[in-house]
C-alpha atoms as a PDB file:
ATOM      1  CA  UNK A   1      14.733 -13.146 -80.001  1.00  0.00           C
ATOM      2  CA  UNK A   2      15.934 -10.068 -81.830  1.00  0.00           C
ATOM      3  CA  UNK A   3      12.657  -9.082 -83.449  1.00  0.00           C
ATOM      4  CA  UNK A   4      14.166  -5.871 -84.826  1.00  0.00           C
ATOM      5  CA  UNK A   5      16.286  -8.102 -87.053  1.00  0.00           C
ATOM      6  CA  UNK A   6      13.068  -9.654 -88.380  1.00  0.00           C
ATOM      7  CA  UNK A   7      12.033  -6.255 -89.731  1.00  0.00           C
ATOM      8  CA  UNK A   8      15.360  -5.921 -91.521  1.00  0.00           C
ATOM      9  CA  UNK A   9      15.026  -9.392 -93.009  1.00  0.00           C
ATOM     10  CA  UNK A  10      11.623  -8.447 -94.309  1.00  0.00           C
ATOM     11  CA  UNK A  11      13.148  -5.914 -96.680  1.00  0.00           C
ATOM     12  CA  UNK A  12      15.372  -8.514 -98.322  1.00  0.00           C
ATOM     13  CA  UNK A  13      13.475 -11.824 -98.278  1.00  0.00           C
ATOM     14  CA  UNK A  14      12.376 -13.291-101.610  1.00  0.00           C
ATOM     15  CA  UNK A  15      10.152 -16.175-102.513  1.00  0.00           C
ATOM     16  CA  UNK A  16      12.283 -19.302-102.382  1.00  0.00           C
ATOM     17  CA  UNK A  17      11.941 -22.378-104.572  1.00  0.00           C
ATOM     18  CA  UNK A  18      12.258 -25.737-102.833  1.00  0.00           C
ATOM     19  CA  UNK A  19      14.860 -27.994-104.546  1.00  0.00           C
ATOM     20  CA  UNK A  20      14.695 -31.734-104.322  1.00  0.00           C
ATOM     21  CA  UNK A  21      16.632 -33.341-101.482  1.00  0.00           C
ATOM     22  CA  UNK A  22      19.027 -36.288-101.750  1.00  0.00           C
ATOM     23  CA  UNK A  23      18.462 -39.380 -99.619  1.00  0.00           C
ATOM     24  CA  UNK A  24      21.096 -38.432 -97.063  1.00  0.00           C
ATOM     25  CA  UNK A  25      19.570 -34.988 -96.560  1.00  0.00           C
ATOM     26  CA  UNK A  26      16.131 -36.486 -96.127  1.00  0.00           C
ATOM     27  CA  UNK A  27      17.450 -38.991 -93.612  1.00  0.00           C
ATOM     28  CA  UNK A  28      19.124 -36.206 -91.597  1.00  0.00           C
ATOM     29  CA  UNK A  29      15.896 -34.140 -91.372  1.00  0.00           C
ATOM     30  CA  UNK A  30      13.723 -37.207 -90.707  1.00  0.00           C
ATOM     31  CA  UNK A  31      16.024 -38.331 -87.826  1.00  0.00           C
ATOM     32  CA  UNK A  32      15.845 -34.886 -86.222  1.00  0.00           C
ATOM     33  CA  UNK A  33      12.095 -34.609 -86.719  1.00  0.00           C
ATOM     34  CA  UNK A  34      11.520 -38.045 -85.217  1.00  0.00           C
ATOM     35  CA  UNK A  35      13.428 -37.046 -82.072  1.00  0.00           C
ATOM     36  CA  UNK A  36      11.692 -33.714 -81.560  1.00  0.00           C
ATOM     37  CA  UNK A  37       8.595 -33.838 -79.429  1.00  0.00           C
ATOM     38  CA  UNK A  38       5.601 -32.934 -81.586  1.00  0.00           C
ATOM     39  CA  UNK A  39       3.079 -30.980 -79.527  1.00  0.00           C
ATOM     40  CA  UNK A  40       0.401 -28.391 -80.250  1.00  0.00           C
ATOM     41  CA  UNK A  41       1.589 -26.273 -77.321  1.00  0.00           C
ATOM     42  CA  UNK A  42       5.143 -25.799 -75.976  1.00  0.00           C
ATOM     43  CA  UNK A  43       6.041 -23.702 -72.943  1.00  0.00           C
ATOM     44  CA  UNK A  44       9.490 -23.055 -71.497  1.00  0.00           C
ATOM     45  CA  UNK A  45      12.173 -20.590 -70.422  1.00  0.00           C
ATOM     46  CA  UNK A  46      15.041 -19.005 -72.301  1.00  0.00           C
ATOM     47  CA  UNK A  47      18.298 -17.268 -71.661  1.00  0.00           C
ATOM     48  CA  UNK A  48      19.586 -15.058 -74.461  1.00  0.00           C
ATOM     49  CA  UNK A  49      23.156 -13.860 -74.828  1.00  0.00           C
ATOM     50  CA  UNK A  50      24.087 -11.348 -77.517  1.00  0.00           C
ATOM     51  CA  UNK A  51      27.766 -10.789 -78.398  1.00  0.00           C
ATOM     52  CA  UNK A  52      28.006  -7.553 -80.375  1.00  0.00           C
ATOM     53  CA  UNK A  53      31.189  -6.730 -82.202  1.00  0.00           C
ATOM     54  CA  UNK A  54      31.221  -3.153 -81.032  1.00  0.00           C
ATOM     55  CA  UNK A  55      30.424  -3.973 -77.326  1.00  0.00           C
ATOM     56  CA  UNK A  56      32.817  -5.967 -75.180  1.00  0.00           C
ATOM     57  CA  UNK A  57      30.303  -7.047 -72.556  1.00  0.00           C
ATOM     58  CA  UNK A  58      27.631  -9.511 -73.733  1.00  0.00           C
ATOM     59  CA  UNK A  59      24.003  -8.507 -73.382  1.00  0.00           C
ATOM     60  CA  UNK A  60      21.946 -10.952 -71.314  1.00  0.00           C
ATOM     61  CA  UNK A  61      18.148 -11.434 -71.108  1.00  0.00           C
ATOM     62  CA  UNK A  62      15.894 -14.012 -69.545  1.00  0.00           C
ATOM     63  CA  UNK A  63      12.250 -14.882 -69.919  1.00  0.00           C
ATOM     64  CA  UNK A  64       9.576 -17.359 -70.970  1.00  0.00           C
ATOM     65  CA  UNK A  65       8.117 -18.432 -74.274  1.00  0.00           C
ATOM     66  CA  UNK A  66       4.909 -20.018 -75.469  1.00  0.00           C
ATOM     67  CA  UNK A  67       4.588 -21.711 -78.882  1.00  0.00           C
ATOM     68  CA  UNK A  68       1.039 -22.608 -80.000  1.00  0.00           C
ATOM     69  CA  UNK A  69       0.936 -24.364 -83.399  1.00  0.00           C
ATOM     70  CA  UNK A  70      -2.490 -22.955 -84.349  1.00  0.00           C
ATOM     71  CA  UNK A  71      -1.989 -19.486 -82.926  1.00  0.00           C
ATOM     72  CA  UNK A  72       1.587 -18.280 -82.859  1.00  0.00           C
ATOM     73  CA  UNK A  73       4.388 -17.456 -80.460  1.00  0.00           C
ATOM     74  CA  UNK A  74       4.605 -15.282 -77.312  1.00  0.00           C
ATOM     75  CA  UNK A  75       8.165 -14.297 -76.400  1.00  0.00           C
ATOM     76  CA  UNK A  76       8.205 -12.616 -72.957  1.00  0.00           C
ATOM     77  CA  UNK A  77      11.397 -11.047 -71.691  1.00  0.00           C
ATOM     78  CA  UNK A  78      11.442 -10.654 -67.898  1.00  0.00           C
ATOM     79  CA  UNK A  79      14.982  -9.392 -67.280  1.00  0.00           C
ATOM     80  CA  UNK A  80      16.630  -6.939 -67.591  1.00  0.00           C
ATOM     81  CA  UNK A  81      13.284  -5.324 -68.543  1.00  0.00           C
ATOM     82  CA  UNK A  82       9.814  -6.554 -69.419  1.00  0.00           C
ATOM     83  CA  UNK A  83       8.903  -6.743 -73.071  1.00  0.00           C
ATOM     84  CA  UNK A  84       6.472  -9.003 -74.891  1.00  0.00           C
ATOM     85  CA  UNK A  85       6.617  -9.988 -78.529  1.00  0.00           C
ATOM     86  CA  UNK A  86       3.663 -11.815 -80.080  1.00  0.00           C
ATOM     87  CA  UNK A  87       4.023 -13.504 -83.448  1.00  0.00           C
ATOM     88  CA  UNK A  88       0.947 -14.594 -85.330  1.00  0.00           C
ATOM     89  CA  UNK A  89       0.233 -15.425 -88.947  1.00  0.00           C
ATOM     90  CA  UNK A  90      -1.188 -11.890 -89.327  1.00  0.00           C
ATOM     91  CA  UNK A  91       1.345  -9.716 -87.482  1.00  0.00           C
ATOM     92  CA  UNK A  92       4.308  -9.118 -85.248  1.00  0.00           C
ATOM     93  CA  UNK A  93       3.321  -7.118 -82.174  1.00  0.00           C
ATOM     94  CA  UNK A  94       5.816  -5.910 -79.544  1.00  0.00           C
ATOM     95  CA  UNK A  95       4.732  -4.223 -76.294  1.00  0.00           C
ATOM     96  CA  UNK A  96       6.401  -2.923 -73.116  1.00  0.00           C
ATOM     97  CA  UNK A  97       5.598  -3.714 -69.496  1.00  0.00           C
ATOM     98  CA  UNK A  98       2.680  -1.233 -69.550  1.00  0.00           C
ATOM     99  CA  UNK A  99       1.109  -2.749 -72.676  1.00  0.00           C
ATOM    100  CA  UNK A 100       2.222   0.143 -74.863  1.00  0.00           C
ATOM    101  CA  UNK A 101       2.845  -0.886 -78.460  1.00  0.00           C
ATOM    102  CA  UNK A 102       6.496  -0.583 -79.469  1.00  0.00           C
ATOM    103  CA  UNK A 103       6.239  -2.118 -82.900  1.00  0.00           C
ATOM    104  CA  UNK A 104       3.506  -3.611 -85.074  1.00  0.00           C
ATOM    105  CA  UNK A 105       3.945  -5.144 -88.502  1.00  0.00           C
ATOM    106  CA  UNK A 106       0.811  -6.303 -90.339  1.00  0.00           C
ATOM    107  CA  UNK A 107       0.881  -8.886 -93.148  1.00  0.00           C
ATOM    108  CA  UNK A 108      -2.058  -7.046 -94.841  1.00  0.00           C
ATOM    109  CA  UNK A 109      -0.013  -3.894 -95.159  1.00  0.00           C
ATOM    110  CA  UNK A 110       3.337  -5.668 -95.546  1.00  0.00           C
ATOM    111  CA  UNK A 111       2.756  -9.183 -96.894  1.00  0.00           C
ATOM    112  CA  UNK A 112       6.425 -10.127 -96.600  1.00  0.00           C
ATOM    113  CA  UNK A 113       6.004 -10.007 -92.821  1.00  0.00           C
ATOM    114  CA  UNK A 114       4.205 -13.347 -93.207  1.00  0.00           C
ATOM    115  CA  UNK A 115       7.367 -14.851 -94.625  1.00  0.00           C
ATOM    116  CA  UNK A 116       9.409 -13.440 -91.733  1.00  0.00           C
ATOM    117  CA  UNK A 117       6.910 -14.904 -89.248  1.00  0.00           C
ATOM    118  CA  UNK A 118       7.250 -18.237 -90.954  1.00  0.00           C
ATOM    119  CA  UNK A 119      11.030 -18.282 -90.441  1.00  0.00           C
ATOM    120  CA  UNK A 120      10.829 -17.224 -86.799  1.00  0.00           C
ATOM    121  CA  UNK A 121       7.983 -19.633 -86.052  1.00  0.00           C
ATOM    122  CA  UNK A 122       9.904 -22.494 -87.703  1.00  0.00           C
ATOM    123  CA  UNK A 123      12.945 -21.831 -85.513  1.00  0.00           C
ATOM    124  CA  UNK A 124      10.937 -21.667 -82.299  1.00  0.00           C
ATOM    125  CA  UNK A 125       8.710 -24.615 -83.014  1.00  0.00           C
ATOM    126  CA  UNK A 126      11.460 -26.820 -84.459  1.00  0.00           C
ATOM    127  CA  UNK A 127       9.996 -27.094 -87.951  1.00  0.00           C
ATOM    128  CA  UNK A 128      13.266 -28.142 -89.582  1.00  0.00           C
ATOM    129  CA  UNK A 129      11.633 -29.116 -92.852  1.00  0.00           C
ATOM    130  CA  UNK A 130      10.366 -25.606 -93.380  1.00  0.00           C
ATOM    131  CA  UNK A 131      13.814 -24.127 -92.605  1.00  0.00           C
ATOM    132  CA  UNK A 132      15.368 -26.487 -95.165  1.00  0.00           C
ATOM    133  CA  UNK A 133      13.351 -24.747 -97.907  1.00  0.00           C
ATOM    134  CA  UNK A 134      15.165 -21.426 -97.169  1.00  0.00           C
ATOM    135  CA  UNK A 135      18.593 -22.532 -95.946  1.00  0.00           C
ATOM    136  CA  UNK A 136      21.265 -24.912 -97.087  1.00  0.00           C
ATOM    137  CA  UNK A 137      22.077 -27.230 -94.236  1.00  0.00           C
ATOM    138  CA  UNK A 138      24.362 -29.900 -92.837  1.00  0.00           C
ATOM    139  CA  UNK A 139      24.676 -31.585 -89.466  1.00  0.00           C
ATOM    140  CA  UNK A 140      24.777 -34.779 -87.496  1.00  0.00           C
ATOM    141  CA  UNK A 141      21.916 -36.885 -86.147  1.00  0.00           C
ATOM    142  CA  UNK A 142      21.614 -40.425 -84.839  1.00  0.00           C
ATOM    143  CA  UNK A 143      18.645 -42.048 -83.205  1.00  0.00           C
ATOM    144  CA  UNK A 144      18.401 -41.269 -79.466  1.00  0.00           C
ATOM    145  CA  UNK A 145      21.517 -39.055 -79.604  1.00  0.00           C
ATOM    146  CA  UNK A 146      21.876 -35.243 -79.487  1.00  0.00           C
ATOM    147  CA  UNK A 147      21.607 -33.747 -82.954  1.00  0.00           C
ATOM    148  CA  UNK A 148      22.928 -30.611 -84.631  1.00  0.00           C
ATOM    149  CA  UNK A 149      21.781 -28.720 -87.729  1.00  0.00           C
ATOM    150  CA  UNK A 150      23.877 -25.932 -89.321  1.00  0.00           C
ATOM    151  CA  UNK A 151      22.027 -23.618 -91.725  1.00  0.00           C
ATOM    152  CA  UNK A 152      23.349 -21.052 -94.226  1.00  0.00           C
ATOM    153  CA  UNK A 153      21.015 -18.887 -96.390  1.00  0.00           C
ATOM    154  CA  UNK A 154      20.315 -19.932 -99.970  1.00  0.00           C
ATOM    155  CA  UNK A 155      19.475 -16.388-101.011  1.00  0.00           C
ATOM    156  CA  UNK A 156      22.305 -13.899-101.309  1.00  0.00           C
ATOM    157  CA  UNK A 157      20.199 -11.054 -99.995  1.00  0.00           C
ATOM    158  CA  UNK A 158      19.365 -12.888 -96.818  1.00  0.00           C
ATOM    159  CA  UNK A 159      23.030 -13.881 -96.504  1.00  0.00           C
ATOM    160  CA  UNK A 160      23.867 -10.190 -96.210  1.00  0.00           C
ATOM    161  CA  UNK A 161      22.105 -10.276 -92.848  1.00  0.00           C
ATOM    162  CA  UNK A 162      22.331 -13.856 -91.552  1.00  0.00           C
ATOM    163  CA  UNK A 163      25.671 -15.568 -91.943  1.00  0.00           C
ATOM    164  CA  UNK A 164      24.793 -18.808 -90.099  1.00  0.00           C
ATOM    165  CA  UNK A 165      22.114 -20.405 -87.975  1.00  0.00           C
ATOM    166  CA  UNK A 166      22.601 -23.464 -85.741  1.00  0.00           C
ATOM    167  CA  UNK A 167      20.065 -25.567 -83.910  1.00  0.00           C
ATOM    168  CA  UNK A 168      21.077 -28.168 -81.293  1.00  0.00           C
ATOM    169  CA  UNK A 169      18.924 -30.519 -79.288  1.00  0.00           C
ATOM    170  CA  UNK A 170      17.381 -33.900 -78.633  1.00  0.00           C
ATOM    171  CA  UNK A 171      13.693 -34.296 -77.891  1.00  0.00           C
ATOM    172  CA  UNK A 172      13.694 -30.510 -77.363  1.00  0.00           C
ATOM    173  CA  UNK A 173      15.600 -27.678 -79.037  1.00  0.00           C
ATOM    174  CA  UNK A 174      18.136 -26.724 -76.396  1.00  0.00           C
ATOM    175  CA  UNK A 175      20.214 -24.129 -78.215  1.00  0.00           C
ATOM    176  CA  UNK A 176      19.833 -21.699 -81.109  1.00  0.00           C
ATOM    177  CA  UNK A 177      22.846 -19.727 -82.330  1.00  0.00           C
ATOM    178  CA  UNK A 178      22.698 -17.093 -85.035  1.00  0.00           C
ATOM    179  CA  UNK A 179      25.563 -15.059 -86.491  1.00  0.00           C
ATOM    180  CA  UNK A 180      24.770 -12.045 -88.676  1.00  0.00           C
ATOM    181  CA  UNK A 181      26.905 -10.679 -91.514  1.00  0.00           C
ATOM    182  CA  UNK A 182      28.433  -8.071 -89.213  1.00  0.00           C
ATOM    183  CA  UNK A 183      29.765 -10.740 -86.879  1.00  0.00           C
ATOM    184  CA  UNK A 184      27.266 -10.275 -84.054  1.00  0.00           C
ATOM    185  CA  UNK A 185      26.263 -13.552 -82.434  1.00  0.00           C
ATOM    186  CA  UNK A 186      22.969 -14.331 -80.662  1.00  0.00           C
ATOM    187  CA  UNK A 187      22.853 -17.437 -78.517  1.00  0.00           C
ATOM    188  CA  UNK A 188      19.519 -18.639 -76.998  1.00  0.00           C
ATOM    189  CA  UNK A 189      19.383 -21.504 -74.500  1.00  0.00           C
ATOM    190  CA  UNK A 190      16.043 -23.175 -73.837  1.00  0.00           C
ATOM    191  CA  UNK A 191      15.140 -25.117 -70.722  1.00  0.00           C
ATOM    192  CA  UNK A 192      12.162 -26.415 -68.777  1.00  0.00           C
ATOM    193  CA  UNK A 193      10.002 -27.218 -71.823  1.00  0.00           C
ATOM    194  CA  UNK A 194       6.574 -28.634 -71.104  1.00  0.00           C
ATOM    195  CA  UNK A 195       3.904 -29.761 -73.528  1.00  0.00           C
ATOM    196  CA  UNK A 196       0.115 -29.626 -73.786  1.00  0.00           C
ATOM    197  CA  UNK A 197      -2.638 -30.409 -76.260  1.00  0.00           C
ATOM    198  CA  UNK A 198      -4.298 -26.969 -75.940  1.00  0.00           C
ATOM    199  CA  UNK A 199      -3.839 -23.530 -74.565  1.00  0.00           C
ATOM    200  CA  UNK A 200      -5.191 -22.467 -71.192  1.00  0.00           C
ATOM    201  CA  UNK A 201      -8.034 -19.951 -71.282  1.00  0.00           C
ATOM    202  CA  UNK A 202      -5.854 -17.028 -70.236  1.00  0.00           C
ATOM    203  CA  UNK A 203      -3.273 -18.000 -72.861  1.00  0.00           C
ATOM    204  CA  UNK A 204      -5.947 -18.014 -75.587  1.00  0.00           C
ATOM    205  CA  UNK A 205      -6.874 -14.494 -74.704  1.00  0.00           C
ATOM    206  CA  UNK A 206      -3.281 -13.351 -75.229  1.00  0.00           C
ATOM    207  CA  UNK A 207      -3.644 -14.246 -78.931  1.00  0.00           C
ATOM    208  CA  UNK A 208      -6.915 -12.359 -79.394  1.00  0.00           C
END
């Protein structure tokens, strides 16, 4: 996940009002939500491909992720280099393979970071209802069939950074695609998801 983009979004995000949804929109979200596995803890692997307009060769990275509903997200890149990003309700913390802090954004000092965290957490945890408050959306979903949701920002300031966001999946989110206003595209494939009711002891310590 391009966490540096999150910092840029923070400078532009506003407080969004939630409009009422028509029956068709509610049915689309409900069908997707019913398919997604609801679990307090989700673990899995990712492969990220970034296609940058100014660079011909795509940038690839691989790693693992951990989503804990009551704690946050740990996004651990293993290749081509080790880097760990931890998202919690209070901060975004990014460290290198030696534990050195590369970036730290605190909601107490920068309250809008909490909004950014909410967006990123919603994407990674599959909270489509929360995303629908910030983005216009369309898509296709039928019971027991693969679904797709296409999101475009409601706010014009956010639209200057994110042009489109797409989620695809079934019982799991299998693909996230994001295109920014400059034309760069980030594609994240998820695999090997497993579920648990609670974190292991060593995982709990990573959120402390």
